[in-house]
């Protein structure tokens, strides 16, 4: 969730490109959103797994 702002920025750029007759750029930015979403998902999963691994063996309070 902390990386979702990147998707908002890319969406804003995509909207700008589409509104200013830059269809190729808008299409590339649309593809970039998919890449960014996949990378963000992977990064968040890594962070979650890292947090879980660091808590192994700890007793709950």
PDB file of N, CA and C in Angstrom:
ATOM      1  N   UNK A   1       0.810  -1.196   0.000  1.00  0.00           N
ATOM      2  CA  UNK A   1       0.000   0.000   0.000  1.00  0.00           C
ATOM      3  C   UNK A   1       0.857   1.267   0.000  1.00  0.00           C
ATOM      4  N   UNK A   2       2.032   1.194   0.619  1.00  0.00           N
ATOM      5  CA  UNK A   2       2.831   2.405   0.713  1.00  0.00           C
ATOM      6  C   UNK A   2       3.426   2.809  -0.629  1.00  0.00           C
ATOM      7  N   UNK A   3       3.350   1.927  -1.634  1.00  0.00           N
ATOM      8  CA  UNK A   3       3.884   2.250  -2.954  1.00  0.00           C
ATOM      9  C   UNK A   3       2.793   2.633  -3.951  1.00  0.00           C
ATOM     10  N   UNK A   4       1.546   2.620  -3.531  1.00  0.00           N
ATOM     11  CA  UNK A   4       0.442   2.876  -4.454  1.00  0.00           C
ATOM     12  C   UNK A   4       0.478   4.271  -5.070  1.00  0.00           C
ATOM     13  N   UNK A   5       1.153   5.203  -4.433  1.00  0.00           N
ATOM     14  CA  UNK A   5       1.243   6.558  -4.980  1.00  0.00           C
ATOM     15  C   UNK A   5       1.900   6.541  -6.357  1.00  0.00           C
ATOM     16  N   UNK A   6       2.790   5.570  -6.586  1.00  0.00           N
ATOM     17  CA  UNK A   6       3.456   5.486  -7.881  1.00  0.00           C
ATOM     18  C   UNK A   6       2.426   5.221  -8.979  1.00  0.00           C
ATOM     19  N   UNK A   7       1.465   4.354  -8.690  1.00  0.00           N
ATOM     20  CA  UNK A   7       0.414   4.064  -9.664  1.00  0.00           C
ATOM     21  C   UNK A   7      -0.434   5.299  -9.936  1.00  0.00           C
ATOM     22  N   UNK A   8      -0.677   6.107  -8.914  1.00  0.00           N
ATOM     23  CA  UNK A   8      -1.434   7.351  -9.093  1.00  0.00           C
ATOM     24  C   UNK A   8      -0.689   8.314 -10.011  1.00  0.00           C
ATOM     25  N   UNK A   9       0.618   8.426  -9.832  1.00  0.00           N
ATOM     26  CA  UNK A   9       1.422   9.321 -10.673  1.00  0.00           C
ATOM     27  C   UNK A   9       1.395   8.848 -12.120  1.00  0.00           C
ATOM     28  N   UNK A  10       1.586   7.547 -12.325  1.00  0.00           N
ATOM     29  CA  UNK A  10       1.560   7.008 -13.685  1.00  0.00           C
ATOM     30  C   UNK A  10       0.186   7.228 -14.318  1.00  0.00           C
ATOM     31  N   UNK A  11      -0.878   7.043 -13.556  1.00  0.00           N
ATOM     32  CA  UNK A  11      -2.236   7.276 -14.071  1.00  0.00           C
ATOM     33  C   UNK A  11      -2.440   8.729 -14.466  1.00  0.00           C
ATOM     34  N   UNK A  12      -1.933   9.644 -13.652  1.00  0.00           N
ATOM     35  CA  UNK A  12      -2.040  11.066 -13.986  1.00  0.00           C
ATOM     36  C   UNK A  12      -1.300  11.376 -15.283  1.00  0.00           C
ATOM     37  N   UNK A  13      -0.110  10.810 -15.445  1.00  0.00           N
ATOM     38  CA  UNK A  13       0.650  11.021 -16.678  1.00  0.00           C
ATOM     39  C   UNK A  13      -0.069  10.415 -17.878  1.00  0.00           C
ATOM     40  N   UNK A  14      -0.661   9.254 -17.685  1.00  0.00           N
ATOM     41  CA  UNK A  14      -1.417   8.606 -18.756  1.00  0.00           C
ATOM     42  C   UNK A  14      -2.612   9.463 -19.171  1.00  0.00           C
ATOM     43  N   UNK A  15      -3.324  10.003 -18.204  1.00  0.00           N
ATOM     44  CA  UNK A  15      -4.467  10.871 -18.487  1.00  0.00           C
ATOM     45  C   UNK A  15      -4.025  12.119 -19.235  1.00  0.00           C
ATOM     46  N   UNK A  16      -2.925  12.711 -18.797  1.00  0.00           N
ATOM     47  CA  UNK A  16      -2.390  13.898 -19.465  1.00  0.00           C
ATOM     48  C   UNK A  16      -2.023  13.581 -20.910  1.00  0.00           C
ATOM     49  N   UNK A  17      -1.330  12.467 -21.114  1.00  0.00           N
ATOM     50  CA  UNK A  17      -0.910  12.095 -22.463  1.00  0.00           C
ATOM     51  C   UNK A  17      -2.120  11.878 -23.370  1.00  0.00           C
ATOM     52  N   UNK A  18      -3.126  11.195 -22.874  1.00  0.00           N
ATOM     53  CA  UNK A  18      -4.327  10.944 -23.671  1.00  0.00           C
ATOM     54  C   UNK A  18      -5.058  12.240 -24.002  1.00  0.00           C
ATOM     55  N   UNK A  19      -5.115  13.155 -23.047  1.00  0.00           N
ATOM     56  CA  UNK A  19      -5.824  14.423 -23.245  1.00  0.00           C
ATOM     57  C   UNK A  19      -5.066  15.371 -24.161  1.00  0.00           C
ATOM     58  N   UNK A  20      -3.786  15.124 -24.354  1.00  0.00           N
ATOM     59  CA  UNK A  20      -2.959  16.020 -25.159  1.00  0.00           C
ATOM     60  C   UNK A  20      -2.460  15.356 -26.438  1.00  0.00           C
ATOM     61  N   UNK A  21      -3.273  14.450 -26.954  1.00  0.00           N
ATOM     62  CA  UNK A  21      -3.028  13.808 -28.242  1.00  0.00           C
ATOM     63  C   UNK A  21      -1.653  13.141 -28.319  1.00  0.00           C
ATOM     64  N   UNK A  22      -1.345  12.366 -27.295  1.00  0.00           N
ATOM     65  CA  UNK A  22      -0.114  11.574 -27.270  1.00  0.00           C
ATOM     66  C   UNK A  22      -0.490  10.110 -27.030  1.00  0.00           C
ATOM     67  N   UNK A  23      -1.149   9.498 -28.020  1.00  0.00           N
ATOM     68  CA  UNK A  23      -1.681   8.150 -27.808  1.00  0.00           C
ATOM     69  C   UNK A  23      -0.611   7.087 -27.562  1.00  0.00           C
ATOM     70  N   UNK A  24       0.534   7.224 -28.217  1.00  0.00           N
ATOM     71  CA  UNK A  24       1.589   6.227 -28.006  1.00  0.00           C
ATOM     72  C   UNK A  24       2.115   6.288 -26.576  1.00  0.00           C
ATOM     73  N   UNK A  25       2.324   7.499 -26.082  1.00  0.00           N
ATOM     74  CA  UNK A  25       2.789   7.661 -24.709  1.00  0.00           C
ATOM     75  C   UNK A  25       1.742   7.145 -23.724  1.00  0.00           C
ATOM     76  N   UNK A  26       0.483   7.460 -23.984  1.00  0.00           N
ATOM     77  CA  UNK A  26      -0.593   6.985 -23.106  1.00  0.00           C
ATOM     78  C   UNK A  26      -0.620   5.456 -23.060  1.00  0.00           C
ATOM     79  N   UNK A  27      -0.436   4.827 -24.212  1.00  0.00           N
ATOM     80  CA  UNK A  27      -0.430   3.362 -24.262  1.00  0.00           C
ATOM     81  C   UNK A  27       0.757   2.791 -23.491  1.00  0.00           C
ATOM     82  N   UNK A  28       1.919   3.396 -23.659  1.00  0.00           N
ATOM     83  CA  UNK A  28       3.109   2.933 -22.929  1.00  0.00           C
ATOM     84  C   UNK A  28       2.918   3.091 -21.422  1.00  0.00           C
ATOM     85  N   UNK A  29       2.318   4.188 -21.028  1.00  0.00           N
ATOM     86  CA  UNK A  29       2.075   4.407 -19.600  1.00  0.00           C
ATOM     87  C   UNK A  29       1.058   3.400 -19.060  1.00  0.00           C
ATOM     88  N   UNK A  30       0.086   3.026 -19.880  1.00  0.00           N
ATOM     89  CA  UNK A  30      -0.859   1.988 -19.481  1.00  0.00           C
ATOM     90  C   UNK A  30      -0.143   0.667 -19.231  1.00  0.00           C
ATOM     91  N   UNK A  31       0.793   0.335 -20.125  1.00  0.00           N
ATOM     92  CA  UNK A  31       1.593  -0.878 -19.926  1.00  0.00           C
ATOM     93  C   UNK A  31       2.473  -0.752 -18.686  1.00  0.00           C
ATOM     94  N   UNK A  32       3.029   0.434 -18.492  1.00  0.00           N
ATOM     95  CA  UNK A  32       3.895   0.670 -17.341  1.00  0.00           C
ATOM     96  C   UNK A  32       3.141   0.479 -16.027  1.00  0.00           C
ATOM     97  N   UNK A  33       1.867   0.852 -16.011  1.00  0.00           N
ATOM     98  CA  UNK A  33       1.065   0.637 -14.794  1.00  0.00           C
ATOM     99  C   UNK A  33       1.011  -0.841 -14.427  1.00  0.00           C
ATOM    100  N   UNK A  34       0.895  -1.695 -15.427  1.00  0.00           N
ATOM    101  CA  UNK A  34       0.862  -3.135 -15.168  1.00  0.00           C
ATOM    102  C   UNK A  34       2.190  -3.625 -14.597  1.00  0.00           C
ATOM    103  N   UNK A  35       3.287  -3.138 -15.172  1.00  0.00           N
ATOM    104  CA  UNK A  35       4.616  -3.514 -14.681  1.00  0.00           C
ATOM    105  C   UNK A  35       4.803  -3.017 -13.254  1.00  0.00           C
ATOM    106  N   UNK A  36       4.431  -1.773 -13.019  1.00  0.00           N
ATOM    107  CA  UNK A  36       4.577  -1.192 -11.680  1.00  0.00           C
ATOM    108  C   UNK A  36       3.725  -1.950 -10.662  1.00  0.00           C
ATOM    109  N   UNK A  37       2.508  -2.295 -11.031  1.00  0.00           N
ATOM    110  CA  UNK A  37       1.631  -3.028 -10.111  1.00  0.00           C
ATOM    111  C   UNK A  37       2.228  -4.391  -9.760  1.00  0.00           C
ATOM    112  N   UNK A  38       2.805  -5.062 -10.747  1.00  0.00           N
ATOM    113  CA  UNK A  38       3.432  -6.363 -10.490  1.00  0.00           C
ATOM    114  C   UNK A  38       4.641  -6.210  -9.575  1.00  0.00           C
ATOM    115  N   UNK A  39       5.477  -5.210  -9.843  1.00  0.00           N
ATOM    116  CA  UNK A  39       6.652  -4.975  -9.001  1.00  0.00           C
ATOM    117  C   UNK A  39       6.253  -4.602  -7.578  1.00  0.00           C
ATOM    118  N   UNK A  40       5.248  -3.768  -7.454  1.00  0.00           N
ATOM    119  CA  UNK A  40       4.782  -3.359  -6.123  1.00  0.00           C
ATOM    120  C   UNK A  40       4.256  -4.569  -5.361  1.00  0.00           C
ATOM    121  N   UNK A  41       3.481  -5.396  -6.031  1.00  0.00           N
ATOM    122  CA  UNK A  41       2.949  -6.595  -5.392  1.00  0.00           C
ATOM    123  C   UNK A  41       4.076  -7.507  -4.921  1.00  0.00           C
ATOM    124  N   UNK A  42       5.080  -7.673  -5.755  1.00  0.00           N
ATOM    125  CA  UNK A  42       6.225  -8.509  -5.396  1.00  0.00           C
ATOM    126  C   UNK A  42       6.986  -7.925  -4.211  1.00  0.00           C
ATOM    127  N   UNK A  43       7.210  -6.627  -4.249  1.00  0.00           N
ATOM    128  CA  UNK A  43       7.926  -5.945  -3.163  1.00  0.00           C
ATOM    129  C   UNK A  43       7.167  -6.075  -1.844  1.00  0.00           C
ATOM    130  N   UNK A  44       5.864  -5.868  -1.876  1.00  0.00           N
ATOM    131  CA  UNK A  44       5.062  -5.970  -0.659  1.00  0.00           C
ATOM    132  C   UNK A  44       5.055  -7.403  -0.122  1.00  0.00           C
ATOM    133  N   UNK A  45       5.040  -8.393  -1.013  1.00  0.00           N
ATOM    134  CA  UNK A  45       5.085  -9.791  -0.576  1.00  0.00           C
ATOM    135  C   UNK A  45       6.424 -10.103   0.080  1.00  0.00           C
ATOM    136  N   UNK A  46       7.512  -9.589  -0.495  1.00  0.00           N
ATOM    137  CA  UNK A  46       8.837  -9.790   0.098  1.00  0.00           C
ATOM    138  C   UNK A  46       8.901  -9.173   1.485  1.00  0.00           C
ATOM    139  N   UNK A  47       8.377  -7.973   1.617  1.00  0.00           N
ATOM    140  CA  UNK A  47       8.401  -7.294   2.911  1.00  0.00           C
ATOM    141  C   UNK A  47       7.563  -8.050   3.939  1.00  0.00           C
ATOM    142  N   UNK A  48       6.423  -8.564   3.519  1.00  0.00           N
ATOM    143  CA  UNK A  48       5.566  -9.326   4.424  1.00  0.00           C
ATOM    144  C   UNK A  48       6.268 -10.603   4.883  1.00  0.00           C
ATOM    145  N   UNK A  49       6.884 -11.298   3.941  1.00  0.00           N
ATOM    146  CA  UNK A  49       7.602 -12.526   4.291  1.00  0.00           C
ATOM    147  C   UNK A  49       8.789 -12.240   5.190  1.00  0.00           C
ATOM    148  N   UNK A  50       9.460 -11.137   4.958  1.00  0.00           N
ATOM    149  CA  UNK A  50      10.595 -10.751   5.798  1.00  0.00           C
ATOM    150  C   UNK A  50      10.133 -10.458   7.219  1.00  0.00           C
ATOM    151  N   UNK A  51       9.013  -9.758   7.342  1.00  0.00           N
ATOM    152  CA  UNK A  51       8.458  -9.455   8.666  1.00  0.00           C
ATOM    153  C   UNK A  51       8.068 -10.738   9.394  1.00  0.00           C
ATOM    154  N   UNK A  52       7.464 -11.664   8.670  1.00  0.00           N
ATOM    155  CA  UNK A  52       7.057 -12.931   9.281  1.00  0.00           C
ATOM    156  C   UNK A  52       8.278 -13.738   9.718  1.00  0.00           C
ATOM    157  N   UNK A  53       9.318 -13.755   8.880  1.00  0.00           N
ATOM    158  CA  UNK A  53      10.519 -14.516   9.203  1.00  0.00           C
ATOM    159  C   UNK A  53      11.211 -13.956  10.436  1.00  0.00           C
ATOM    160  N   UNK A  54      11.177 -12.653  10.599  1.00  0.00           N
ATOM    161  CA  UNK A  54      11.837 -12.053  11.758  1.00  0.00           C
ATOM    162  C   UNK A  54      11.062 -12.309  13.048  1.00  0.00           C
ATOM    163  N   UNK A  55       9.804 -12.722  12.932  1.00  0.00           N
ATOM    164  CA  UNK A  55       8.985 -13.002  14.113  1.00  0.00           C
ATOM    165  C   UNK A  55       8.931 -14.485  14.482  1.00  0.00           C
ATOM    166  N   UNK A  56       9.583 -15.325  13.699  1.00  0.00           N
ATOM    167  CA  UNK A  56       9.573 -16.759  13.986  1.00  0.00           C
ATOM    168  C   UNK A  56      10.291 -17.008  15.312  1.00  0.00           C
ATOM    169  N   UNK A  57       9.664 -17.788  16.145  1.00  0.00           N
ATOM    170  CA  UNK A  57      10.264 -18.132  17.424  1.00  0.00           C
ATOM    171  C   UNK A  57       9.980 -17.154  18.541  1.00  0.00           C
ATOM    172  N   UNK A  58       9.384 -16.038  18.211  1.00  0.00           N
ATOM    173  CA  UNK A  58       9.030 -15.065  19.247  1.00  0.00           C
ATOM    174  C   UNK A  58       7.702 -15.442  19.861  1.00  0.00           C
ATOM    175  N   UNK A  59       7.608 -15.232  21.124  1.00  0.00           N
ATOM    176  CA  UNK A  59       6.346 -15.501  21.815  1.00  0.00           C
ATOM    177  C   UNK A  59       5.465 -14.262  21.773  1.00  0.00           C
ATOM    178  N   UNK A  60       4.174 -14.466  21.591  1.00  0.00           N
ATOM    179  CA  UNK A  60       3.262 -13.304  21.625  1.00  0.00           C
ATOM    180  C   UNK A  60       3.218 -12.709  23.024  1.00  0.00           C
ATOM    181  N   UNK A  61       2.986 -11.440  23.077  1.00  0.00           N
ATOM    182  CA  UNK A  61       2.926 -10.739  24.372  1.00  0.00           C
ATOM    183  C   UNK A  61       1.602 -10.916  25.032  1.00  0.00           C
TER     184      UNK A  61
END
